[in-house]
């Protein structure tokens, strides 16, 4: 696996699916900042959550060439196979949830706190374990991490203006993290 963090403002994304897992994926994509997102579903809950991005149908294979990434969730093989094949032929990255042979990438378990993003992956082999780890780590990285990232970013910007060398800036950040006890984690139950 090659870990990446994609900038959704530069990508055309699509989601096709139904059910609670597809709704969870839609919410995750929106939380990640996906704006150029097409959502295909016949599921009223997904269409309602998708708003103007929602289309009350599945995509056609001839539509996939306009996307960079396609997620499919809760579809039957007869529905996802032609779409996955068309996506691959058009060099579109595709993920069919829980069908590894149709996945060019695996979605990760994530903890999102503003610009802070912590991801956990088992390479698609044990998604339940990744979820369990995410739930444990959420307590270690509370919402206050969003403000912490902004604080360090502001300091870093000032240090750059002062031409502080990167190794010195890294040392200063380490000192702040240590002195502020930011990496203390609550004990497990």
Protein backbone atom coordinates (compact mmCIF):
# COMPACT_ATOMS: atom_id res chain seq x y z
CA UNK A 1 0.00 0.00 0.00
CA UNK A 2 1.13 3.54 -0.77
CA UNK A 3 -0.36 6.06 1.68
CA UNK A 4 -1.58 9.32 0.14
CA UNK A 5 -3.70 12.25 1.22
CA UNK A 6 -5.60 13.51 -1.82
CA UNK A 7 -6.71 17.12 -2.23
CA UNK A 8 -10.42 16.79 -3.07
CA UNK A 9 -10.62 20.31 -4.48
CA UNK A 10 -8.57 19.15 -7.47
CA UNK A 11 -10.43 15.92 -8.15
CA UNK A 12 -13.68 14.79 -9.73
CA UNK A 13 -15.08 12.16 -7.39
CA UNK A 14 -18.03 9.81 -7.63
CA UNK A 15 -19.90 7.57 -5.26
CA UNK A 16 -22.42 4.95 -6.31
CA UNK A 17 -24.26 2.88 -3.78
CA UNK A 18 -26.96 2.17 -1.28
CA UNK A 19 -27.36 1.46 2.39
CA UNK A 20 -25.78 2.62 5.62
CA UNK A 21 -22.22 2.00 4.41
CA UNK A 22 -22.74 4.20 1.35
CA UNK A 23 -24.24 6.93 3.52
CA UNK A 24 -21.21 6.69 5.86
CA UNK A 25 -18.87 6.96 2.84
CA UNK A 26 -20.77 10.02 1.57
CA UNK A 27 -20.47 11.70 4.96
CA UNK A 28 -16.76 10.87 5.09
CA UNK A 29 -16.16 12.33 1.64
CA UNK A 30 -18.01 15.50 2.58
CA UNK A 31 -16.03 15.77 5.84
CA UNK A 32 -12.86 15.47 3.77
CA UNK A 33 -13.91 18.48 1.69
CA UNK A 34 -15.17 16.72 -1.44
CA UNK A 35 -16.93 19.40 -3.48
CA UNK A 36 -16.77 18.02 -7.01
CA UNK A 37 -18.66 14.89 -6.03
CA UNK A 38 -21.30 13.07 -8.06
CA UNK A 39 -23.53 10.74 -6.03
CA UNK A 40 -25.51 7.99 -7.73
CA UNK A 41 -28.12 6.09 -5.74
CA UNK A 42 -31.72 5.00 -5.65
CA UNK A 43 -31.59 5.09 -1.82
CA UNK A 44 -33.72 8.02 -0.56
CA UNK A 45 -31.50 8.60 2.50
CA UNK A 46 -28.40 8.94 0.33
CA UNK A 47 -30.13 11.16 -2.19
CA UNK A 48 -31.38 13.37 0.64
CA UNK A 49 -27.87 13.64 2.13
CA UNK A 50 -26.32 14.24 -1.30
CA UNK A 51 -28.56 17.21 -2.08
CA UNK A 52 -27.86 18.69 -5.52
CA UNK A 53 -25.00 16.22 -6.09
CA UNK A 54 -27.43 13.28 -5.98
CA UNK A 55 -28.69 11.51 -9.07
CA UNK A 56 -31.51 8.99 -8.69
CA UNK A 57 -29.85 6.26 -10.75
CA UNK A 58 -26.61 4.35 -11.10
CA UNK A 59 -23.90 5.75 -13.34
CA UNK A 60 -23.47 4.54 -16.87
CA UNK A 61 -20.11 3.04 -17.87
CA UNK A 62 -19.62 5.82 -20.43
CA UNK A 63 -19.72 8.43 -17.61
CA UNK A 64 -16.76 7.18 -15.57
CA UNK A 65 -14.03 8.69 -17.76
CA UNK A 66 -14.77 12.12 -16.29
CA UNK A 67 -13.81 11.07 -12.75
CA UNK A 68 -10.54 10.57 -10.96
CA UNK A 69 -11.84 8.31 -8.18
CA UNK A 70 -14.96 6.14 -7.91
CA UNK A 71 -16.27 4.47 -4.76
CA UNK A 72 -18.99 1.82 -4.97
CA UNK A 73 -20.77 0.60 -1.87
CA UNK A 74 -23.66 -1.80 -1.42
CA UNK A 75 -24.05 -2.70 -5.08
CA UNK A 76 -24.59 -6.14 -6.57
CA UNK A 77 -21.90 -7.70 -8.83
CA UNK A 78 -24.02 -7.12 -11.95
CA UNK A 79 -24.05 -3.42 -11.05
CA UNK A 80 -20.42 -2.85 -9.99
CA UNK A 81 -18.57 -5.09 -12.45
CA UNK A 82 -19.24 -3.08 -15.65
CA UNK A 83 -18.57 0.18 -13.81
CA UNK A 84 -15.31 -1.08 -12.31
CA UNK A 85 -14.16 -2.39 -15.68
CA UNK A 86 -15.01 0.91 -17.39
CA UNK A 87 -13.24 2.84 -14.63
CA UNK A 88 -10.07 0.80 -14.98
CA UNK A 89 -10.15 1.17 -18.76
CA UNK A 90 -10.38 4.96 -18.27
CA UNK A 91 -7.58 5.02 -15.66
CA UNK A 92 -10.00 5.97 -12.89
CA UNK A 93 -9.14 4.68 -9.42
CA UNK A 94 -11.93 2.43 -8.18
CA UNK A 95 -12.93 0.94 -4.85
CA UNK A 96 -15.75 -1.56 -4.49
CA UNK A 97 -16.23 -1.89 -0.77
CA UNK A 98 -15.54 -5.40 0.56
CA UNK A 99 -14.59 -6.73 -2.90
CA UNK A 100 -10.75 -6.64 -2.88
CA UNK A 101 -10.31 -7.82 -6.46
CA UNK A 102 -12.15 -4.68 -7.60
CA UNK A 103 -10.18 -2.24 -5.43
CA UNK A 104 -7.32 -0.13 -6.72
CA UNK A 105 -7.07 1.40 -3.24
CA UNK A 106 -8.44 0.84 0.24
CA UNK A 107 -10.20 3.51 2.22
CA UNK A 108 -8.65 4.02 5.64
CA UNK A 109 -10.07 4.41 9.12
CA UNK A 110 -9.59 8.05 10.00
CA UNK A 111 -9.59 10.56 12.80
CA UNK A 112 -10.17 14.09 11.49
CA UNK A 113 -9.61 17.15 13.64
CA UNK A 114 -9.63 20.16 11.34
CA UNK A 115 -6.47 19.93 9.23
CA UNK A 116 -5.14 17.13 11.44
CA UNK A 117 -5.78 13.75 9.83
CA UNK A 118 -4.68 10.47 11.37
CA UNK A 119 -5.30 7.34 9.30
CA UNK A 120 -5.16 3.64 10.05
CA UNK A 121 -4.93 0.94 7.43
CA UNK A 122 -4.56 -2.81 7.44
CA UNK A 123 -4.26 -2.93 3.66
CA UNK A 124 -7.88 -4.01 3.41
CA UNK A 125 -7.14 -7.24 5.29
CA UNK A 126 -8.78 -6.40 8.63
CA UNK A 127 -10.99 -3.30 8.41
CA UNK A 128 -12.63 -4.16 11.74
CA UNK A 129 -9.24 -3.98 13.45
CA UNK A 130 -8.54 -0.60 11.83
CA UNK A 131 -11.90 0.60 13.15
CA UNK A 132 -11.14 -0.66 16.66
CA UNK A 133 -7.79 1.15 16.61
CA UNK A 134 -9.49 4.32 15.35
CA UNK A 135 -12.00 4.23 18.20
CA UNK A 136 -9.17 3.84 20.76
CA UNK A 137 -7.04 6.61 19.24
CA UNK A 138 -9.94 9.08 19.08
CA UNK A 139 -9.59 9.54 22.85
CA UNK A 140 -5.87 10.26 22.41
CA UNK A 141 -6.49 12.91 19.75
CA UNK A 142 -9.48 15.01 20.88
CA UNK A 143 -11.01 17.96 19.02
CA UNK A 144 -8.39 20.27 20.57
CA UNK A 145 -5.93 18.96 17.96
CA UNK A 146 -7.52 21.21 15.34
CA UNK A 147 -6.42 24.27 17.33
CA UNK A 148 -3.01 22.73 18.00
CA UNK A 149 -2.34 22.34 14.28
CA UNK A 150 -3.29 25.98 13.71
CA UNK A 151 -1.03 27.08 16.57
CA UNK A 152 1.99 25.20 15.21
CA UNK A 153 1.24 26.35 11.65
CA UNK A 154 1.30 30.00 12.79
CA UNK A 155 4.57 29.47 14.66
CA UNK A 156 6.08 27.68 11.67
CA UNK A 157 5.09 30.51 9.35
CA UNK A 158 6.84 32.99 11.66
CA UNK A 159 9.93 30.81 11.84
CA UNK A 160 10.02 30.59 8.05
CA UNK A 161 9.90 34.39 7.85
CA UNK A 162 12.83 34.47 10.30
CA UNK A 163 14.69 31.88 8.18
CA UNK A 164 14.82 29.38 11.03
CA UNK A 165 16.31 26.15 9.59
CA UNK A 166 13.88 23.20 9.31
CA UNK A 167 15.79 21.03 11.84
CA UNK A 168 15.57 23.85 14.41
CA UNK A 169 11.85 24.35 13.71
CA UNK A 170 11.30 20.60 14.17
CA UNK A 171 13.19 20.70 17.49
CA UNK A 172 11.03 23.63 18.66
CA UNK A 173 7.87 21.75 17.72
CA UNK A 174 9.10 18.67 19.60
CA UNK A 175 9.71 20.86 22.65
CA UNK A 176 6.19 22.35 22.50
CA UNK A 177 4.58 18.93 22.14
CA UNK A 178 6.63 17.54 25.04
CA UNK A 179 6.19 20.52 27.38
CA UNK A 180 2.45 20.71 26.66
CA UNK A 181 1.98 16.95 27.16
CA UNK A 182 0.02 16.74 23.93
CA UNK A 183 0.83 13.07 23.44
CA UNK A 184 -0.50 11.81 26.76
CA UNK A 185 -3.23 9.31 26.07
CA UNK A 186 -6.05 8.24 28.44
CA UNK A 187 -5.71 4.70 29.81
CA UNK A 188 -7.70 1.89 28.18
CA UNK A 189 -10.77 0.54 29.89
